[in-house]
């Protein structure tokens, strides 16, 4: 029995249930399409991340096995490139600016408030996969610091006490 068989279903961001076995079958097709080509690993990883929304360990092991590459090599490539993520991303991404102006004007307090409210750390995703939390370095709104972004919406002069109010429209 392969590693991925232990997980029966996964919710995607569009709220439809996908049979995870089907995802791994599609991954096999992707691997076969690129197998034997020079530099195949990165395009396979990119396609796998697009398929799953991130790179689960079982997918990395399957890629390793099918390409006859050591798992450490596959995991090493994933760890090297910031594009790749082994953590499931949330439906909404919250980015907190910690550039100089935002940091000085309370950005770190806004970040702490978000972490406390969401009960996650930076680079993590909430258990319900609704929010992922990230840090940025300048969103170009220094005069309106501190700034956060939820998806593509910029919130300016954010106060830690207003976090719940800001996130309310994004909670399902």
N, C-alpha and C. Protein backbone atom coordinates (compact mmCIF):
# COMPACT_ATOMS: atom_id res chain seq x y z
N UNK A 1 0.85 -1.19 0.00
CA UNK A 1 0.00 0.00 0.00
C UNK A 1 0.88 1.24 0.00
N UNK A 2 0.61 2.20 -0.86
CA UNK A 2 1.41 3.40 -0.95
C UNK A 2 1.03 4.38 0.14
N UNK A 3 1.95 5.33 0.44
CA UNK A 3 1.74 6.26 1.55
C UNK A 3 0.47 7.08 1.42
N UNK A 4 0.12 7.48 0.21
CA UNK A 4 -1.02 8.37 0.04
C UNK A 4 -2.36 7.70 0.26
N UNK A 5 -2.40 6.41 0.32
CA UNK A 5 -3.67 5.71 0.49
C UNK A 5 -4.28 5.94 1.88
N UNK A 6 -3.46 6.39 2.84
CA UNK A 6 -3.97 6.60 4.19
C UNK A 6 -4.84 7.85 4.32
N UNK A 7 -4.75 8.73 3.33
CA UNK A 7 -5.55 9.94 3.36
C UNK A 7 -6.63 9.77 2.31
N UNK A 8 -7.88 9.75 2.73
CA UNK A 8 -8.94 9.42 1.78
C UNK A 8 -9.46 10.62 1.00
N UNK A 9 -9.61 11.78 1.65
CA UNK A 9 -10.17 12.92 0.96
C UNK A 9 -9.52 14.20 1.44
N UNK A 10 -9.58 15.21 0.59
CA UNK A 10 -9.01 16.51 0.93
C UNK A 10 -9.94 17.58 0.39
N UNK A 11 -10.07 18.67 1.14
CA UNK A 11 -10.88 19.79 0.65
C UNK A 11 -9.99 20.73 -0.13
N UNK A 12 -10.44 21.11 -1.30
CA UNK A 12 -9.70 22.11 -2.05
C UNK A 12 -10.29 23.47 -1.72
N UNK A 13 -9.63 24.53 -2.23
CA UNK A 13 -10.07 25.87 -1.88
C UNK A 13 -11.40 26.25 -2.50
N UNK A 14 -11.89 25.44 -3.45
CA UNK A 14 -13.18 25.76 -4.06
C UNK A 14 -14.32 25.04 -3.34
N UNK A 15 -14.05 24.42 -2.22
CA UNK A 15 -15.02 23.75 -1.37
C UNK A 15 -15.65 22.50 -1.98
N UNK A 16 -14.99 21.89 -2.96
CA UNK A 16 -15.46 20.61 -3.46
C UNK A 16 -14.53 19.55 -2.95
N UNK A 17 -15.04 18.36 -2.71
CA UNK A 17 -14.23 17.28 -2.20
C UNK A 17 -13.57 16.54 -3.35
N UNK A 18 -12.28 16.30 -3.20
CA UNK A 18 -11.52 15.62 -4.22
C UNK A 18 -11.00 14.31 -3.64
N UNK A 19 -11.15 13.24 -4.37
CA UNK A 19 -10.59 11.97 -3.96
C UNK A 19 -9.08 12.06 -4.12
N UNK A 20 -8.35 11.93 -3.04
CA UNK A 20 -6.91 12.11 -3.08
C UNK A 20 -6.22 11.06 -3.95
N UNK A 21 -6.80 9.87 -4.06
CA UNK A 21 -6.22 8.87 -4.95
C UNK A 21 -6.17 9.38 -6.38
N UNK A 22 -7.18 10.13 -6.79
CA UNK A 22 -7.22 10.70 -8.13
C UNK A 22 -6.08 11.71 -8.32
N UNK A 23 -5.80 12.50 -7.29
CA UNK A 23 -4.69 13.45 -7.36
C UNK A 23 -3.36 12.73 -7.57
N UNK A 24 -3.17 11.62 -6.87
CA UNK A 24 -1.92 10.88 -7.01
C UNK A 24 -1.84 10.17 -8.36
N UNK A 25 -2.96 9.78 -8.92
CA UNK A 25 -2.97 9.24 -10.28
C UNK A 25 -2.56 10.33 -11.27
N UNK A 26 -3.08 11.54 -11.07
CA UNK A 26 -2.70 12.66 -11.93
C UNK A 26 -1.22 12.99 -11.77
N UNK A 27 -0.70 12.87 -10.56
CA UNK A 27 0.72 13.08 -10.32
C UNK A 27 1.55 12.06 -11.10
N UNK A 28 1.11 10.80 -11.10
CA UNK A 28 1.80 9.77 -11.89
C UNK A 28 1.84 10.15 -13.36
N UNK A 29 0.74 10.67 -13.88
CA UNK A 29 0.69 11.09 -15.29
C UNK A 29 1.69 12.22 -15.54
N UNK A 30 1.77 13.16 -14.60
CA UNK A 30 2.72 14.29 -14.73
C UNK A 30 4.15 13.76 -14.74
N UNK A 31 4.44 12.85 -13.84
CA UNK A 31 5.79 12.27 -13.76
C UNK A 31 6.14 11.57 -15.07
N UNK A 32 5.21 10.76 -15.57
CA UNK A 32 5.45 10.04 -16.83
C UNK A 32 5.68 10.99 -17.99
N UNK A 33 5.00 12.11 -18.01
CA UNK A 33 5.14 13.10 -19.06
C UNK A 33 6.56 13.68 -19.11
N UNK A 34 7.17 13.85 -17.94
CA UNK A 34 8.49 14.49 -17.85
C UNK A 34 9.64 13.50 -17.65
N UNK A 35 9.33 12.28 -17.25
CA UNK A 35 10.34 11.30 -16.90
C UNK A 35 11.37 11.12 -18.02
N UNK A 36 12.62 11.08 -17.64
CA UNK A 36 13.69 10.86 -18.60
C UNK A 36 14.20 12.14 -19.26
N UNK A 37 13.53 13.24 -19.03
CA UNK A 37 13.97 14.52 -19.61
C UNK A 37 14.96 15.19 -18.67
N UNK A 38 15.92 15.87 -19.25
CA UNK A 38 16.89 16.63 -18.48
C UNK A 38 16.17 17.70 -17.65
N UNK A 39 16.49 17.81 -16.37
CA UNK A 39 15.90 18.84 -15.52
C UNK A 39 14.42 18.64 -15.23
N UNK A 40 13.95 17.40 -15.24
CA UNK A 40 12.52 17.12 -15.08
C UNK A 40 12.00 17.40 -13.67
N UNK A 41 12.85 17.36 -12.69
CA UNK A 41 12.39 17.46 -11.30
C UNK A 41 11.63 18.76 -11.02
N UNK A 42 12.17 19.89 -11.41
CA UNK A 42 11.52 21.17 -11.08
C UNK A 42 10.16 21.30 -11.77
N UNK A 43 10.03 21.01 -13.07
CA UNK A 43 8.69 21.08 -13.66
C UNK A 43 7.68 20.11 -13.02
N UNK A 44 8.16 18.95 -12.61
CA UNK A 44 7.27 18.00 -11.93
C UNK A 44 6.83 18.57 -10.58
N UNK A 45 7.77 19.15 -9.84
CA UNK A 45 7.42 19.75 -8.55
C UNK A 45 6.46 20.92 -8.72
N UNK A 46 6.68 21.75 -9.75
CA UNK A 46 5.78 22.87 -10.01
C UNK A 46 4.37 22.36 -10.31
N UNK A 47 4.28 21.35 -11.16
CA UNK A 47 2.97 20.79 -11.51
C UNK A 47 2.31 20.14 -10.30
N UNK A 48 3.10 19.46 -9.49
CA UNK A 48 2.56 18.81 -8.29
C UNK A 48 2.02 19.85 -7.31
N UNK A 49 2.75 20.96 -7.15
CA UNK A 49 2.28 22.02 -6.26
C UNK A 49 0.99 22.64 -6.79
N UNK A 50 0.90 22.82 -8.09
CA UNK A 50 -0.34 23.34 -8.68
C UNK A 50 -1.49 22.36 -8.47
N UNK A 51 -1.19 21.08 -8.53
CA UNK A 51 -2.21 20.04 -8.37
C UNK A 51 -2.75 19.98 -6.93
N UNK A 52 -1.83 19.96 -5.96
CA UNK A 52 -2.22 19.80 -4.55
C UNK A 52 -2.43 21.13 -3.82
N UNK A 53 -1.86 22.20 -4.34
CA UNK A 53 -1.89 23.48 -3.65
C UNK A 53 -0.67 23.66 -2.76
N UNK A 54 0.09 22.62 -2.58
CA UNK A 54 1.34 22.59 -1.81
C UNK A 54 1.99 21.25 -2.13
N UNK A 55 3.10 20.93 -1.50
CA UNK A 55 3.79 19.66 -1.77
C UNK A 55 3.77 18.77 -0.53
N UNK A 56 2.75 17.90 -0.44
CA UNK A 56 2.71 16.99 0.72
C UNK A 56 3.86 15.99 0.67
N UNK A 57 4.26 15.52 1.83
CA UNK A 57 5.38 14.58 1.93
C UNK A 57 5.15 13.34 1.08
N UNK A 58 3.93 12.82 1.07
CA UNK A 58 3.65 11.61 0.28
C UNK A 58 3.88 11.85 -1.21
N UNK A 59 3.57 13.05 -1.69
CA UNK A 59 3.81 13.38 -3.10
C UNK A 59 5.31 13.43 -3.38
N UNK A 60 6.08 14.02 -2.46
CA UNK A 60 7.53 14.08 -2.63
C UNK A 60 8.13 12.68 -2.66
N UNK A 61 7.62 11.80 -1.81
CA UNK A 61 8.11 10.42 -1.78
C UNK A 61 7.75 9.70 -3.08
N UNK A 62 6.57 9.96 -3.60
CA UNK A 62 6.16 9.34 -4.85
C UNK A 62 7.04 9.83 -6.01
N UNK A 63 7.31 11.12 -6.06
CA UNK A 63 8.18 11.69 -7.08
C UNK A 63 9.57 11.08 -6.98
N UNK A 64 10.09 10.99 -5.77
CA UNK A 64 11.40 10.41 -5.52
C UNK A 64 11.46 8.97 -6.04
N UNK A 65 10.47 8.19 -5.69
CA UNK A 65 10.41 6.78 -6.06
C UNK A 65 10.31 6.61 -7.58
N UNK A 66 9.42 7.37 -8.20
CA UNK A 66 9.17 7.21 -9.64
C UNK A 66 10.33 7.73 -10.49
N UNK A 67 11.06 8.73 -9.99
CA UNK A 67 12.21 9.26 -10.73
C UNK A 67 13.52 8.55 -10.35
N UNK A 68 13.43 7.63 -9.39
CA UNK A 68 14.61 6.91 -8.90
C UNK A 68 15.68 7.88 -8.40
N UNK A 69 15.21 8.88 -7.66
CA UNK A 69 16.11 9.87 -7.04
C UNK A 69 15.99 9.72 -5.53
N UNK A 70 17.06 9.99 -4.81
CA UNK A 70 16.97 9.94 -3.34
C UNK A 70 15.96 10.99 -2.84
N UNK A 71 15.20 10.62 -1.83
CA UNK A 71 14.23 11.55 -1.24
C UNK A 71 14.93 12.83 -0.80
N UNK A 72 16.14 12.70 -0.28
CA UNK A 72 16.88 13.88 0.20
C UNK A 72 17.13 14.87 -0.94
N UNK A 73 17.34 14.37 -2.15
CA UNK A 73 17.55 15.27 -3.29
C UNK A 73 16.27 16.03 -3.63
N UNK A 74 15.15 15.31 -3.66
CA UNK A 74 13.86 15.94 -3.97
C UNK A 74 13.50 16.96 -2.89
N UNK A 75 13.62 16.55 -1.63
CA UNK A 75 13.30 17.45 -0.52
C UNK A 75 14.28 18.63 -0.49
N UNK A 76 15.52 18.41 -0.86
CA UNK A 76 16.52 19.48 -0.90
C UNK A 76 16.17 20.55 -1.92
N UNK A 77 15.68 20.14 -3.08
CA UNK A 77 15.26 21.11 -4.11
C UNK A 77 14.07 21.91 -3.59
N UNK A 78 13.13 21.24 -2.97
CA UNK A 78 11.95 21.91 -2.43
C UNK A 78 12.35 22.92 -1.36
N UNK A 79 13.27 22.54 -0.50
CA UNK A 79 13.73 23.43 0.56
C UNK A 79 14.53 24.61 0.05
N UNK A 80 15.22 24.42 -1.07
CA UNK A 80 16.08 25.48 -1.60
C UNK A 80 15.28 26.61 -2.23
N UNK A 81 14.24 26.28 -2.97
CA UNK A 81 13.47 27.29 -3.70
C UNK A 81 12.28 27.78 -2.87
N UNK A 82 12.21 29.09 -2.65
CA UNK A 82 11.13 29.65 -1.84
C UNK A 82 9.77 29.51 -2.51
N UNK A 83 9.74 29.26 -3.81
CA UNK A 83 8.48 29.08 -4.54
C UNK A 83 7.71 27.87 -4.01
N UNK A 84 8.44 26.84 -3.61
CA UNK A 84 7.80 25.60 -3.18
C UNK A 84 7.39 25.67 -1.72
N UNK A 85 6.26 25.03 -1.41
CA UNK A 85 5.75 25.01 -0.05
C UNK A 85 5.32 23.60 0.33
N UNK A 86 5.73 23.17 1.50
CA UNK A 86 5.30 21.87 2.01
C UNK A 86 4.16 22.03 3.02
N UNK A 87 3.67 23.25 3.12
CA UNK A 87 2.57 23.56 4.03
C UNK A 87 1.35 23.94 3.20
N UNK A 88 0.22 23.34 3.52
CA UNK A 88 -1.02 23.68 2.82
C UNK A 88 -1.33 25.16 3.02
N UNK A 89 -1.67 25.83 1.96
CA UNK A 89 -1.99 27.25 2.03
C UNK A 89 -3.48 27.44 2.29
N UNK A 90 -3.79 28.51 2.96
CA UNK A 90 -5.18 28.83 3.26
C UNK A 90 -5.87 29.48 2.07
N UNK A 91 -7.16 29.56 2.18
CA UNK A 91 -7.96 30.21 1.14
C UNK A 91 -7.57 31.69 1.03
N UNK A 92 -7.27 32.30 2.17
CA UNK A 92 -6.88 33.71 2.22
C UNK A 92 -5.46 33.83 2.79
N UNK A 93 -4.64 34.63 2.13
CA UNK A 93 -3.29 34.86 2.60
C UNK A 93 -3.21 36.25 3.22
N UNK A 94 -2.75 36.28 4.46
CA UNK A 94 -2.55 37.54 5.18
C UNK A 94 -1.06 37.81 5.20
N UNK A 95 -0.67 38.99 4.72
CA UNK A 95 0.72 39.41 4.73
C UNK A 95 0.85 40.64 5.62
N UNK A 96 1.76 40.59 6.55
CA UNK A 96 2.02 41.71 7.45
C UNK A 96 3.32 42.36 7.02
N UNK A 97 3.28 43.66 6.78
CA UNK A 97 4.49 44.38 6.41
C UNK A 97 5.34 44.59 7.66
N UNK A 98 6.60 44.20 7.56
CA UNK A 98 7.55 44.48 8.63
C UNK A 98 8.74 45.26 8.09
N UNK A 99 8.50 46.05 7.03
CA UNK A 99 9.50 46.99 6.56
C UNK A 99 9.74 48.01 7.66
N UNK A 100 10.73 48.84 7.50
CA UNK A 100 11.14 49.76 8.57
C UNK A 100 10.00 50.61 9.11
N UNK A 101 9.25 51.29 8.23
CA UNK A 101 8.18 52.18 8.71
C UNK A 101 7.10 51.39 9.44
N UNK A 102 6.69 50.28 8.88
CA UNK A 102 5.63 49.48 9.53
C UNK A 102 6.11 48.89 10.85
N UNK A 103 7.35 48.43 10.87
CA UNK A 103 7.90 47.87 12.09
C UNK A 103 7.92 48.91 13.20
N UNK A 104 8.44 50.11 12.89
CA UNK A 104 8.55 51.18 13.87
C UNK A 104 7.18 51.64 14.35
N UNK A 105 6.19 51.62 13.47
CA UNK A 105 4.85 52.11 13.82
C UNK A 105 3.92 51.01 14.33
N UNK A 106 4.46 49.88 14.72
CA UNK A 106 3.65 48.87 15.39
C UNK A 106 3.35 47.62 14.60
N UNK A 107 4.04 47.39 13.51
CA UNK A 107 3.81 46.20 12.70
C UNK A 107 4.01 44.91 13.46
N UNK A 108 5.01 44.88 14.34
CA UNK A 108 5.26 43.66 15.12
C UNK A 108 4.10 43.39 16.09
N UNK A 109 3.45 44.43 16.60
CA UNK A 109 2.29 44.24 17.48
C UNK A 109 1.08 43.74 16.68
N UNK A 110 0.94 44.24 15.46
CA UNK A 110 -0.13 43.77 14.57
C UNK A 110 0.09 42.29 14.27
N UNK A 111 1.34 41.93 13.97
CA UNK A 111 1.66 40.52 13.70
C UNK A 111 1.34 39.65 14.91
N UNK A 112 1.73 40.08 16.10
CA UNK A 112 1.44 39.30 17.31
C UNK A 112 -0.06 39.14 17.51
N UNK A 113 -0.82 40.20 17.26
CA UNK A 113 -2.26 40.14 17.39
C UNK A 113 -2.86 39.14 16.40
N UNK A 114 -2.36 39.15 15.18
CA UNK A 114 -2.84 38.18 14.17
C UNK A 114 -2.50 36.76 14.59
N UNK A 115 -1.28 36.54 15.06
CA UNK A 115 -0.88 35.20 15.49
C UNK A 115 -1.75 34.72 16.65
N UNK A 116 -2.03 35.59 17.59
CA UNK A 116 -2.88 35.24 18.72
C UNK A 116 -4.32 34.96 18.27
N UNK A 117 -4.83 35.81 17.39
CA UNK A 117 -6.21 35.67 16.91
C UNK A 117 -6.39 34.39 16.08
N UNK A 118 -5.43 34.11 15.21
CA UNK A 118 -5.54 32.95 14.32
C UNK A 118 -4.99 31.67 14.94
N UNK A 119 -4.23 31.82 16.03
CA UNK A 119 -3.60 30.69 16.71
C UNK A 119 -2.63 29.94 15.79
N UNK A 120 -1.86 30.72 15.01
CA UNK A 120 -0.82 30.17 14.15
C UNK A 120 0.39 31.10 14.19
N UNK A 121 1.51 30.59 13.70
CA UNK A 121 2.72 31.38 13.57
C UNK A 121 2.91 31.78 12.11
N UNK A 122 3.90 32.59 11.84
CA UNK A 122 4.24 32.98 10.48
C UNK A 122 4.57 31.72 9.68
N UNK A 123 4.14 31.69 8.42
CA UNK A 123 4.33 30.57 7.50
C UNK A 123 3.45 29.37 7.83
N UNK A 124 2.45 29.57 8.65
CA UNK A 124 1.52 28.48 8.97
C UNK A 124 0.14 28.80 8.42
N UNK A 125 -0.71 27.79 8.47
CA UNK A 125 -2.08 27.89 7.98
C UNK A 125 -3.01 27.43 9.09
N UNK A 126 -4.15 28.10 9.22
CA UNK A 126 -5.11 27.71 10.25
C UNK A 126 -5.63 26.30 9.97
N UNK A 127 -6.09 25.63 11.02
CA UNK A 127 -6.56 24.25 10.90
C UNK A 127 -7.69 24.11 9.89
N UNK A 128 -8.53 25.14 9.76
CA UNK A 128 -9.64 25.08 8.80
C UNK A 128 -9.21 25.46 7.39
N UNK A 129 -7.92 25.74 7.22
CA UNK A 129 -7.31 26.14 5.94
C UNK A 129 -7.96 27.40 5.34
N UNK A 130 -8.42 28.27 6.21
CA UNK A 130 -9.01 29.52 5.73
C UNK A 130 -7.95 30.62 5.61
N UNK A 131 -6.95 30.62 6.51
CA UNK A 131 -5.93 31.68 6.51
C UNK A 131 -4.51 31.12 6.55
N UNK A 132 -3.63 31.75 5.79
CA UNK A 132 -2.18 31.55 5.91
C UNK A 132 -1.59 32.89 6.30
N UNK A 133 -0.54 32.87 7.11
CA UNK A 133 0.07 34.09 7.62
C UNK A 133 1.51 34.20 7.12
N UNK A 134 1.83 35.35 6.52
CA UNK A 134 3.16 35.60 6.00
C UNK A 134 3.62 37.00 6.39
N UNK A 135 4.91 37.22 6.26
CA UNK A 135 5.51 38.53 6.53
C UNK A 135 6.07 39.06 5.23
N UNK A 136 5.91 40.37 5.01
CA UNK A 136 6.47 41.03 3.83
C UNK A 136 7.41 42.14 4.26
N UNK A 137 8.15 42.66 3.30
CA UNK A 137 9.11 43.73 3.56
C UNK A 137 8.81 44.93 2.68
N UNK A 138 7.81 45.68 2.99
CA UNK A 138 7.44 46.92 2.31
C UNK A 138 6.42 46.69 1.20
N UNK A 139 5.26 47.25 1.41
CA UNK A 139 4.17 47.17 0.43
C UNK A 139 3.98 48.50 -0.28
N UNK A 140 4.89 49.44 -0.07
CA UNK A 140 4.84 50.71 -0.75
C UNK A 140 3.83 51.69 -0.19
N UNK A 141 3.46 51.51 1.07
CA UNK A 141 2.49 52.41 1.71
C UNK A 141 3.06 52.89 3.05
N UNK A 142 4.33 53.25 3.04
CA UNK A 142 5.04 53.59 4.28
C UNK A 142 4.39 54.73 5.06
N UNK A 143 3.81 55.68 4.37
CA UNK A 143 3.17 56.80 5.04
C UNK A 143 1.89 56.41 5.76
N UNK A 144 1.38 55.21 5.48
CA UNK A 144 0.14 54.73 6.09
C UNK A 144 0.37 53.52 6.98
N UNK A 145 1.59 53.38 7.47
CA UNK A 145 1.99 52.23 8.28
C UNK A 145 1.29 52.23 9.63
N UNK A 146 1.11 51.04 10.21
CA UNK A 146 1.43 49.71 9.69
C UNK A 146 0.36 49.20 8.71
N UNK A 147 0.83 48.36 7.80
CA UNK A 147 -0.01 47.89 6.71
C UNK A 147 -0.05 46.37 6.71
N UNK A 148 -1.24 45.81 6.40
CA UNK A 148 -1.36 44.38 6.13
C UNK A 148 -2.13 44.22 4.83
N UNK A 149 -1.96 43.06 4.22
CA UNK A 149 -2.74 42.71 3.04
C UNK A 149 -3.46 41.40 3.33
N UNK A 150 -4.73 41.35 2.96
CA UNK A 150 -5.48 40.10 2.99
C UNK A 150 -5.79 39.83 1.52
N UNK A 151 -5.19 38.79 0.99
CA UNK A 151 -5.21 38.51 -0.44
C UNK A 151 -4.63 39.74 -1.15
N UNK A 152 -5.40 40.46 -1.95
CA UNK A 152 -4.89 41.64 -2.65
C UNK A 152 -5.44 42.95 -2.07
N UNK A 153 -6.10 42.88 -0.93
CA UNK A 153 -6.69 44.07 -0.32
C UNK A 153 -5.73 44.61 0.74
N UNK A 154 -5.38 45.89 0.61
CA UNK A 154 -4.44 46.53 1.55
C UNK A 154 -5.23 47.23 2.65
N UNK A 155 -4.82 46.99 3.90
CA UNK A 155 -5.41 47.67 5.06
C UNK A 155 -4.32 48.54 5.66
N UNK A 156 -4.64 49.83 5.87
CA UNK A 156 -3.66 50.81 6.30
C UNK A 156 -3.92 51.26 7.74
N UNK A 157 -2.86 51.74 8.38
CA UNK A 157 -2.93 52.22 9.76
C UNK A 157 -3.64 51.21 10.66
N UNK A 158 -3.23 49.96 10.53
CA UNK A 158 -3.88 48.85 11.24
C UNK A 158 -3.51 48.90 12.72
N UNK A 159 -4.50 48.71 13.55
CA UNK A 159 -4.30 48.63 14.99
C UNK A 159 -4.57 47.18 15.42
N UNK A 160 -3.77 46.66 16.36
CA UNK A 160 -3.98 45.28 16.81
C UNK A 160 -5.41 45.01 17.27
N UNK A 161 -6.05 46.01 17.86
CA UNK A 161 -7.42 45.84 18.36
C UNK A 161 -8.44 45.70 17.24
N UNK A 162 -8.07 46.00 16.01
CA UNK A 162 -9.01 45.95 14.87
C UNK A 162 -8.88 44.67 14.04
N UNK A 163 -8.02 43.75 14.44
CA UNK A 163 -7.77 42.54 13.65
C UNK A 163 -9.04 41.73 13.44
N UNK A 164 -9.80 41.47 14.48
CA UNK A 164 -11.03 40.68 14.34
C UNK A 164 -11.99 41.32 13.35
N UNK A 165 -12.11 42.62 13.41
CA UNK A 165 -13.00 43.36 12.51
C UNK A 165 -12.52 43.25 11.05
N UNK A 166 -11.22 43.34 10.84
CA UNK A 166 -10.66 43.24 9.49
C UNK A 166 -10.90 41.85 8.91
N UNK A 167 -10.73 40.81 9.74
CA UNK A 167 -10.84 39.44 9.24
C UNK A 167 -12.26 38.94 9.10
N UNK A 168 -13.21 39.60 9.75
CA UNK A 168 -14.61 39.14 9.77
C UNK A 168 -15.18 38.83 8.39
N UNK A 169 -15.00 39.67 7.37
CA UNK A 169 -15.57 39.35 6.05
C UNK A 169 -14.97 38.11 5.38
N UNK A 170 -13.80 37.67 5.86
CA UNK A 170 -13.13 36.53 5.26
C UNK A 170 -13.42 35.20 5.96
N UNK A 171 -14.14 35.27 7.06
CA UNK A 171 -14.43 34.06 7.82
C UNK A 171 -15.71 33.42 7.29
N UNK A 172 -15.59 32.12 7.03
CA UNK A 172 -16.74 31.40 6.46
C UNK A 172 -17.49 30.65 7.52
